[in-house]
Amino acid sequence: MPHRRRTVITGRMIRPCHDLLASHLLPLVRYYSYIEITRRAHQTLWGEYEDLQARFDNFAMQHIRDQEDIYPVFRELFQRQLNESR
């Protein structure tokens, strides 16, 4: 069985992630999505990224809790992208 690596984002890393997206990436890209996969409460980045979602029309967020959420979430994200590019 392959080893699964999990990245842990600490409090000191959150603001730089937010600022990097807001000042460098989101102004340049057509569409950016953040998908959180967890059955537990939202991760720390979720709160920071809610601010980005409110400020940028090209930023989308979704939460996948279970396997059956995968298709509907991706369908919604890609449908939104297709509608906005027309």
Foldseek 3Di string as FASTA:
>chain_A
DDDDDDDDDDPVRQVVVLCCCVPPNLVPDQAEEDEAEAQDDDDPNVVSVVVVVVVGVRYYYYYHDDPVVVVVVVVVRVVSSVVVVD
